[in-house]
Amino acid sequence: MQSILDSEVCSDLTLEINGKVFNVHKCIIAVRSTPFAALLRKDPNATRLSLECDQSTDLIKPLLCWLYSASLEMPEDVFEVVELYFLAYDFQVLDLMQRVENELINRITAGNVIDLLIRMYPHIRRESKH
């Protein structure tokens, strides 16, 4: 499935997130992400979706890789792993959230725990307002 994403063969949707463009397949992203499914239900004939998100666009590709193949190369930087978690949360990719959560548990140290909590705080605060 990863090769389908990489080759863009038969892609039927251009996904633009924070200005970065990805050619994807509606059926795959809709079945793996409730928010994507909701957007596509609103306009089933859409050929382009433009979205904004708080996380780095460098993490969109790993998210898409997960949607297609349930595998990804985890970012080296633990703070990017945190951002990937919240990206998975935003798109409701529950199995990726679990995978990233396990990765974070393994990477938390006495030396980075405070910085991780500081990095997570804006996301947690945003969610507590909903």
N, C-alpha and C. Protein backbone atom coordinates (compact mmCIF):
# COMPACT_ATOMS: atom_id res chain seq x y z
N MET A 1 0.81 -1.19 0.00
CA MET A 1 0.00 0.00 0.00
C MET A 1 0.86 1.27 0.00
N GLN A 2 2.00 1.21 0.66
CA GLN A 2 2.89 2.36 0.67
C GLN A 2 3.30 2.76 -0.73
N SER A 3 3.51 1.78 -1.60
CA SER A 3 3.93 2.08 -2.97
C SER A 3 2.84 2.84 -3.74
N ILE A 4 1.58 2.61 -3.39
CA ILE A 4 0.49 3.34 -4.04
C ILE A 4 0.58 4.83 -3.68
N LEU A 5 0.85 5.12 -2.43
CA LEU A 5 1.01 6.51 -2.01
C LEU A 5 2.20 7.15 -2.71
N ASP A 6 3.31 6.44 -2.74
CA ASP A 6 4.53 6.98 -3.34
C ASP A 6 4.39 7.20 -4.84
N SER A 7 3.70 6.29 -5.53
CA SER A 7 3.59 6.40 -6.98
C SER A 7 2.48 7.35 -7.43
N GLU A 8 1.53 7.60 -6.53
CA GLU A 8 0.38 8.46 -6.83
C GLU A 8 -0.52 7.91 -7.94
N VAL A 9 -0.35 6.63 -8.27
CA VAL A 9 -1.16 6.00 -9.31
C VAL A 9 -2.63 6.03 -8.90
N CYS A 10 -3.46 6.49 -9.78
CA CYS A 10 -4.91 6.54 -9.59
C CYS A 10 -5.34 7.41 -8.41
N SER A 11 -4.50 8.33 -7.97
CA SER A 11 -4.92 9.22 -6.89
C SER A 11 -6.11 10.04 -7.38
N ASP A 12 -7.04 10.29 -6.49
CA ASP A 12 -8.25 11.01 -6.89
C ASP A 12 -8.50 12.24 -6.03
N LEU A 13 -7.51 12.62 -5.23
CA LEU A 13 -7.68 13.79 -4.38
C LEU A 13 -6.32 14.45 -4.16
N THR A 14 -6.29 15.75 -4.34
CA THR A 14 -5.12 16.53 -3.98
C THR A 14 -5.39 17.12 -2.60
N LEU A 15 -4.54 16.77 -1.68
CA LEU A 15 -4.67 17.21 -0.30
C LEU A 15 -3.61 18.27 -0.06
N GLU A 16 -4.05 19.47 0.27
CA GLU A 16 -3.12 20.56 0.56
C GLU A 16 -3.24 20.90 2.03
N ILE A 17 -2.14 20.71 2.75
CA ILE A 17 -2.13 20.99 4.17
C ILE A 17 -1.02 22.00 4.44
N ASN A 18 -1.43 23.16 4.95
CA ASN A 18 -0.49 24.26 5.21
C ASN A 18 0.36 24.57 3.97
N GLY A 19 -0.25 24.46 2.81
CA GLY A 19 0.43 24.79 1.56
C GLY A 19 1.22 23.66 0.92
N LYS A 20 1.38 22.55 1.61
CA LYS A 20 2.11 21.41 1.07
C LYS A 20 1.11 20.45 0.42
N VAL A 21 1.43 19.96 -0.78
CA VAL A 21 0.48 19.19 -1.58
C VAL A 21 0.84 17.70 -1.58
N PHE A 22 -0.21 16.87 -1.42
CA PHE A 22 -0.07 15.42 -1.44
C PHE A 22 -1.19 14.86 -2.33
N ASN A 23 -0.85 13.93 -3.19
CA ASN A 23 -1.86 13.25 -4.00
C ASN A 23 -2.22 11.95 -3.31
N VAL A 24 -3.49 11.82 -2.96
CA VAL A 24 -3.94 10.68 -2.14
C VAL A 24 -5.18 10.03 -2.76
N HIS A 25 -5.64 9.01 -2.10
CA HIS A 25 -6.81 8.25 -2.53
C HIS A 25 -7.92 8.41 -1.49
N LYS A 26 -9.04 8.93 -1.93
CA LYS A 26 -10.15 9.22 -1.01
C LYS A 26 -10.53 8.02 -0.16
N CYS A 27 -10.66 6.86 -0.79
CA CYS A 27 -11.15 5.70 -0.05
C CYS A 27 -10.21 5.31 1.09
N ILE A 28 -8.92 5.49 0.89
CA ILE A 28 -7.96 5.10 1.93
C ILE A 28 -8.00 6.09 3.09
N ILE A 29 -7.92 7.38 2.78
CA ILE A 29 -7.89 8.34 3.89
C ILE A 29 -9.24 8.41 4.61
N ALA A 30 -10.33 8.19 3.88
CA ALA A 30 -11.66 8.24 4.50
C ALA A 30 -11.88 7.06 5.45
N VAL A 31 -11.43 5.89 5.07
CA VAL A 31 -11.65 4.72 5.91
C VAL A 31 -10.74 4.73 7.14
N ARG A 32 -9.62 5.45 7.08
CA ARG A 32 -8.66 5.45 8.17
C ARG A 32 -8.76 6.67 9.09
N SER A 33 -9.53 7.69 8.66
CA SER A 33 -9.60 8.92 9.45
C SER A 33 -11.02 9.48 9.42
N THR A 34 -11.65 9.54 10.57
CA THR A 34 -13.02 10.07 10.67
C THR A 34 -13.13 11.51 10.17
N PRO A 35 -12.21 12.41 10.54
CA PRO A 35 -12.31 13.77 10.01
C PRO A 35 -12.18 13.84 8.48
N PHE A 36 -11.30 13.04 7.90
CA PHE A 36 -11.22 13.02 6.44
C PHE A 36 -12.52 12.51 5.85
N ALA A 37 -13.09 11.48 6.45
CA ALA A 37 -14.35 10.92 5.96
C ALA A 37 -15.46 11.98 6.02
N ALA A 38 -15.50 12.73 7.10
CA ALA A 38 -16.52 13.77 7.24
C ALA A 38 -16.36 14.85 6.18
N LEU A 39 -15.14 15.25 5.92
CA LEU A 39 -14.89 16.26 4.87
C LEU A 39 -15.32 15.75 3.50
N LEU A 40 -15.04 14.49 3.24
CA LEU A 40 -15.38 13.93 1.93
C LEU A 40 -16.88 13.65 1.79
N ARG A 41 -17.56 13.40 2.89
CA ARG A 41 -19.02 13.24 2.83
C ARG A 41 -19.69 14.56 2.47
N LYS A 42 -19.11 15.66 2.94
CA LYS A 42 -19.65 16.98 2.61
C LYS A 42 -19.56 17.26 1.11
N ASP A 43 -18.49 16.80 0.49
CA ASP A 43 -18.29 17.02 -0.94
C ASP A 43 -17.64 15.79 -1.56
N PRO A 44 -18.46 14.75 -1.86
CA PRO A 44 -17.90 13.50 -2.38
C PRO A 44 -17.21 13.64 -3.74
N ASN A 45 -17.51 14.70 -4.45
CA ASN A 45 -16.88 14.90 -5.76
C ASN A 45 -15.64 15.77 -5.70
N ALA A 46 -15.22 16.12 -4.51
CA ALA A 46 -14.05 16.99 -4.35
C ALA A 46 -12.83 16.32 -4.98
N THR A 47 -12.02 17.14 -5.62
CA THR A 47 -10.74 16.67 -6.15
C THR A 47 -9.58 17.35 -5.43
N ARG A 48 -9.92 18.32 -4.57
CA ARG A 48 -8.89 19.05 -3.82
C ARG A 48 -9.46 19.45 -2.46
N LEU A 49 -8.68 19.23 -1.43
CA LEU A 49 -9.02 19.68 -0.08
C LEU A 49 -7.86 20.51 0.44
N SER A 50 -8.16 21.67 0.97
CA SER A 50 -7.14 22.52 1.58
C SER A 50 -7.42 22.63 3.06
N LEU A 51 -6.42 22.31 3.87
CA LEU A 51 -6.56 22.30 5.32
C LEU A 51 -5.42 23.04 5.97
N GLU A 52 -5.66 23.49 7.17
CA GLU A 52 -4.62 24.09 8.00
C GLU A 52 -4.52 23.23 9.26
N CYS A 53 -3.31 23.04 9.74
CA CYS A 53 -3.13 22.34 11.01
C CYS A 53 -1.99 22.98 11.78
N ASP A 54 -1.95 22.72 13.07
CA ASP A 54 -0.96 23.34 13.95
C ASP A 54 0.41 22.67 13.87
N GLN A 55 0.45 21.42 13.43
CA GLN A 55 1.69 20.67 13.44
C GLN A 55 2.50 20.92 12.16
N SER A 56 3.76 20.55 12.22
CA SER A 56 4.67 20.71 11.09
C SER A 56 4.20 19.90 9.88
N THR A 57 4.29 20.51 8.71
CA THR A 57 3.91 19.77 7.50
C THR A 57 4.89 18.64 7.22
N ASP A 58 6.07 18.66 7.83
CA ASP A 58 7.01 17.55 7.66
C ASP A 58 6.45 16.25 8.23
N LEU A 59 5.46 16.35 9.11
CA LEU A 59 4.88 15.16 9.73
C LEU A 59 3.66 14.63 8.98
N ILE A 60 3.21 15.35 7.95
CA ILE A 60 2.05 14.89 7.17
C ILE A 60 2.40 13.62 6.42
N LYS A 61 3.57 13.56 5.83
CA LYS A 61 3.98 12.36 5.08
C LYS A 61 4.00 11.12 5.98
N PRO A 62 4.61 11.18 7.18
CA PRO A 62 4.52 10.00 8.05
C PRO A 62 3.08 9.63 8.41
N LEU A 63 2.23 10.63 8.62
CA LEU A 63 0.81 10.36 8.89
C LEU A 63 0.19 9.61 7.71
N LEU A 64 0.42 10.10 6.51
CA LEU A 64 -0.14 9.44 5.31
C LEU A 64 0.44 8.04 5.14
N CYS A 65 1.72 7.88 5.40
CA CYS A 65 2.33 6.54 5.33
C CYS A 65 1.60 5.58 6.26
N TRP A 66 1.29 6.07 7.45
CA TRP A 66 0.57 5.23 8.42
C TRP A 66 -0.83 4.90 7.90
N LEU A 67 -1.52 5.88 7.34
CA LEU A 67 -2.86 5.64 6.83
C LEU A 67 -2.85 4.55 5.75
N TYR A 68 -1.83 4.55 4.93
CA TYR A 68 -1.75 3.59 3.83
C TYR A 68 -1.22 2.23 4.26
N SER A 69 -0.27 2.19 5.18
CA SER A 69 0.42 0.93 5.42
C SER A 69 0.54 0.51 6.88
N ALA A 70 0.07 1.34 7.79
CA ALA A 70 0.20 1.07 9.23
C ALA A 70 1.66 0.88 9.63
N SER A 71 2.54 1.58 8.93
CA SER A 71 3.95 1.60 9.31
C SER A 71 4.51 2.98 8.98
N LEU A 72 5.56 3.33 9.68
CA LEU A 72 6.21 4.61 9.42
C LEU A 72 7.57 4.60 10.07
N GLU A 73 8.40 5.52 9.61
CA GLU A 73 9.68 5.73 10.26
C GLU A 73 9.46 6.82 11.31
N MET A 74 9.64 6.44 12.54
CA MET A 74 9.39 7.37 13.64
C MET A 74 10.43 8.48 13.61
N PRO A 75 10.02 9.73 13.82
CA PRO A 75 10.99 10.83 13.85
C PRO A 75 12.06 10.60 14.93
N GLU A 76 13.26 11.04 14.65
CA GLU A 76 14.35 10.94 15.62
C GLU A 76 14.12 11.87 16.81
N ASP A 77 13.65 13.06 16.53
CA ASP A 77 13.46 14.09 17.55
C ASP A 77 12.21 13.75 18.38
N VAL A 78 12.38 13.62 19.68
CA VAL A 78 11.26 13.26 20.55
C VAL A 78 10.16 14.33 20.51
N PHE A 79 10.52 15.58 20.26
CA PHE A 79 9.51 16.63 20.19
C PHE A 79 8.67 16.51 18.92
N GLU A 80 9.27 16.00 17.85
CA GLU A 80 8.50 15.72 16.64
C GLU A 80 7.56 14.54 16.86
N VAL A 81 7.97 13.61 17.71
CA VAL A 81 7.10 12.48 18.06
C VAL A 81 5.86 13.01 18.78
N VAL A 82 6.05 13.97 19.67
CA VAL A 82 4.92 14.61 20.35
C VAL A 82 4.00 15.26 19.33
N GLU A 83 4.57 16.00 18.39
CA GLU A 83 3.77 16.66 17.36
C GLU A 83 3.02 15.64 16.51
N LEU A 84 3.66 14.51 16.22
CA LEU A 84 3.00 13.46 15.45
C LEU A 84 1.81 12.90 16.22
N TYR A 85 1.95 12.77 17.52
CA TYR A 85 0.83 12.31 18.34
C TYR A 85 -0.38 13.25 18.17
N PHE A 86 -0.14 14.55 18.28
CA PHE A 86 -1.25 15.49 18.20
C PHE A 86 -1.80 15.60 16.77
N LEU A 87 -0.97 15.35 15.77
CA LEU A 87 -1.46 15.29 14.40
C LEU A 87 -2.39 14.07 14.25
N ALA A 88 -1.96 12.94 14.77
CA ALA A 88 -2.80 11.74 14.75
C ALA A 88 -4.09 11.98 15.52
N TYR A 89 -4.01 12.71 16.63
CA TYR A 89 -5.19 13.05 17.40
C TYR A 89 -6.14 13.91 16.57
N ASP A 90 -5.61 14.94 15.92
CA ASP A 90 -6.45 15.83 15.12
C ASP A 90 -7.19 15.09 14.02
N PHE A 91 -6.54 14.11 13.41
CA PHE A 91 -7.16 13.35 12.33
C PHE A 91 -7.76 12.03 12.81
N GLN A 92 -7.79 11.84 14.13
CA GLN A 92 -8.41 10.68 14.76
C GLN A 92 -7.92 9.35 14.18
N VAL A 93 -6.62 9.22 14.11
CA VAL A 93 -5.99 7.98 13.66
C VAL A 93 -5.56 7.25 14.94
N LEU A 94 -6.50 6.50 15.48
CA LEU A 94 -6.34 5.94 16.83
C LEU A 94 -5.19 4.95 16.94
N ASP A 95 -4.99 4.12 15.92
CA ASP A 95 -3.89 3.16 16.01
C ASP A 95 -2.53 3.86 15.95
N LEU A 96 -2.43 4.95 15.21
CA LEU A 96 -1.19 5.73 15.19
C LEU A 96 -0.99 6.42 16.54
N MET A 97 -2.05 6.92 17.12
CA MET A 97 -1.93 7.53 18.45
C MET A 97 -1.35 6.53 19.44
N GLN A 98 -1.83 5.30 19.41
CA GLN A 98 -1.34 4.26 20.31
C GLN A 98 0.13 3.95 20.04
N ARG A 99 0.49 3.85 18.78
CA ARG A 99 1.89 3.56 18.40
C ARG A 99 2.82 4.67 18.88
N VAL A 100 2.41 5.92 18.67
CA VAL A 100 3.23 7.06 19.07
C VAL A 100 3.29 7.17 20.59
N GLU A 101 2.18 6.89 21.24
CA GLU A 101 2.16 6.91 22.71
C GLU A 101 3.18 5.92 23.27
N ASN A 102 3.21 4.72 22.71
CA ASN A 102 4.19 3.72 23.16
C ASN A 102 5.62 4.20 22.92
N GLU A 103 5.84 4.83 21.78
CA GLU A 103 7.17 5.38 21.47
C GLU A 103 7.56 6.45 22.48
N LEU A 104 6.62 7.32 22.82
CA LEU A 104 6.91 8.39 23.79
C LEU A 104 7.24 7.81 25.17
N ILE A 105 6.51 6.79 25.57
CA ILE A 105 6.78 6.16 26.86
C ILE A 105 8.22 5.66 26.91
N ASN A 106 8.69 5.10 25.80
CA ASN A 106 10.05 4.59 25.74
C ASN A 106 11.11 5.70 25.68
N ARG A 107 10.72 6.88 25.26
CA ARG A 107 11.69 7.96 25.08
C ARG A 107 11.69 9.00 26.19
N ILE A 108 10.74 8.94 27.10
CA ILE A 108 10.72 9.91 28.20
C ILE A 108 11.87 9.61 29.16
N THR A 109 12.61 10.66 29.47
CA THR A 109 13.71 10.54 30.42
C THR A 109 13.58 11.66 31.45
N ALA A 110 14.35 11.53 32.51
CA ALA A 110 14.39 12.60 33.51
C ALA A 110 14.88 13.90 32.88
N GLY A 111 15.70 13.79 31.85
CA GLY A 111 16.26 14.96 31.20
C GLY A 111 15.32 15.69 30.25
N ASN A 112 14.26 15.00 29.78
CA ASN A 112 13.39 15.66 28.79
C ASN A 112 11.93 15.79 29.23
N VAL A 113 11.57 15.24 30.37
CA VAL A 113 10.16 15.20 30.77
C VAL A 113 9.56 16.60 30.92
N ILE A 114 10.29 17.53 31.51
CA ILE A 114 9.75 18.89 31.70
C ILE A 114 9.56 19.56 30.34
N ASP A 115 10.55 19.45 29.46
CA ASP A 115 10.43 20.05 28.13
C ASP A 115 9.28 19.42 27.33
N LEU A 116 9.08 18.12 27.50
CA LEU A 116 7.95 17.46 26.82
C LEU A 116 6.62 17.99 27.33
N LEU A 117 6.50 18.14 28.63
CA LEU A 117 5.25 18.67 29.20
C LEU A 117 5.00 20.10 28.73
N ILE A 118 6.05 20.90 28.66
CA ILE A 118 5.91 22.27 28.16
C ILE A 118 5.45 22.25 26.71
N ARG A 119 6.01 21.36 25.91
CA ARG A 119 5.64 21.26 24.50
C ARG A 119 4.20 20.78 24.34
N MET A 120 3.74 19.91 25.24
CA MET A 120 2.39 19.36 25.15
C MET A 120 1.33 20.33 25.67
N TYR A 121 1.71 21.21 26.57
CA TYR A 121 0.74 22.07 27.25
C TYR A 121 -0.21 22.81 26.31
N PRO A 122 0.26 23.48 25.25
CA PRO A 122 -0.70 24.19 24.39
C PRO A 122 -1.75 23.26 23.77
N HIS A 123 -1.35 22.05 23.43
CA HIS A 123 -2.30 21.10 22.85
C HIS A 123 -3.32 20.65 23.88
N ILE A 124 -2.84 20.36 25.06
CA ILE A 124 -3.73 19.91 26.12
C ILE A 124 -4.69 21.03 26.51
N ARG A 125 -4.19 22.23 26.59
CA ARG A 125 -5.03 23.37 26.93
C ARG A 125 -6.09 23.60 25.87
N ARG A 126 -5.69 23.50 24.60
CA ARG A 126 -6.64 23.69 23.49
C ARG A 126 -7.77 22.67 23.58
N GLU A 127 -7.44 21.42 23.89
CA GLU A 127 -8.46 20.37 23.97
C GLU A 127 -9.34 20.54 25.19
N SER A 128 -8.81 21.07 26.28
CA SER A 128 -9.63 21.22 27.48
C SER A 128 -10.69 22.31 27.30
N LYS A 129 -10.51 23.19 26.32
CA LYS A 129 -11.51 24.24 26.06
C LYS A 129 -12.69 23.70 25.26
N HIS A 130 -12.54 22.54 24.63
CA HIS A 130 -13.64 21.99 23.81
C HIS A 130 -14.64 21.31 24.64
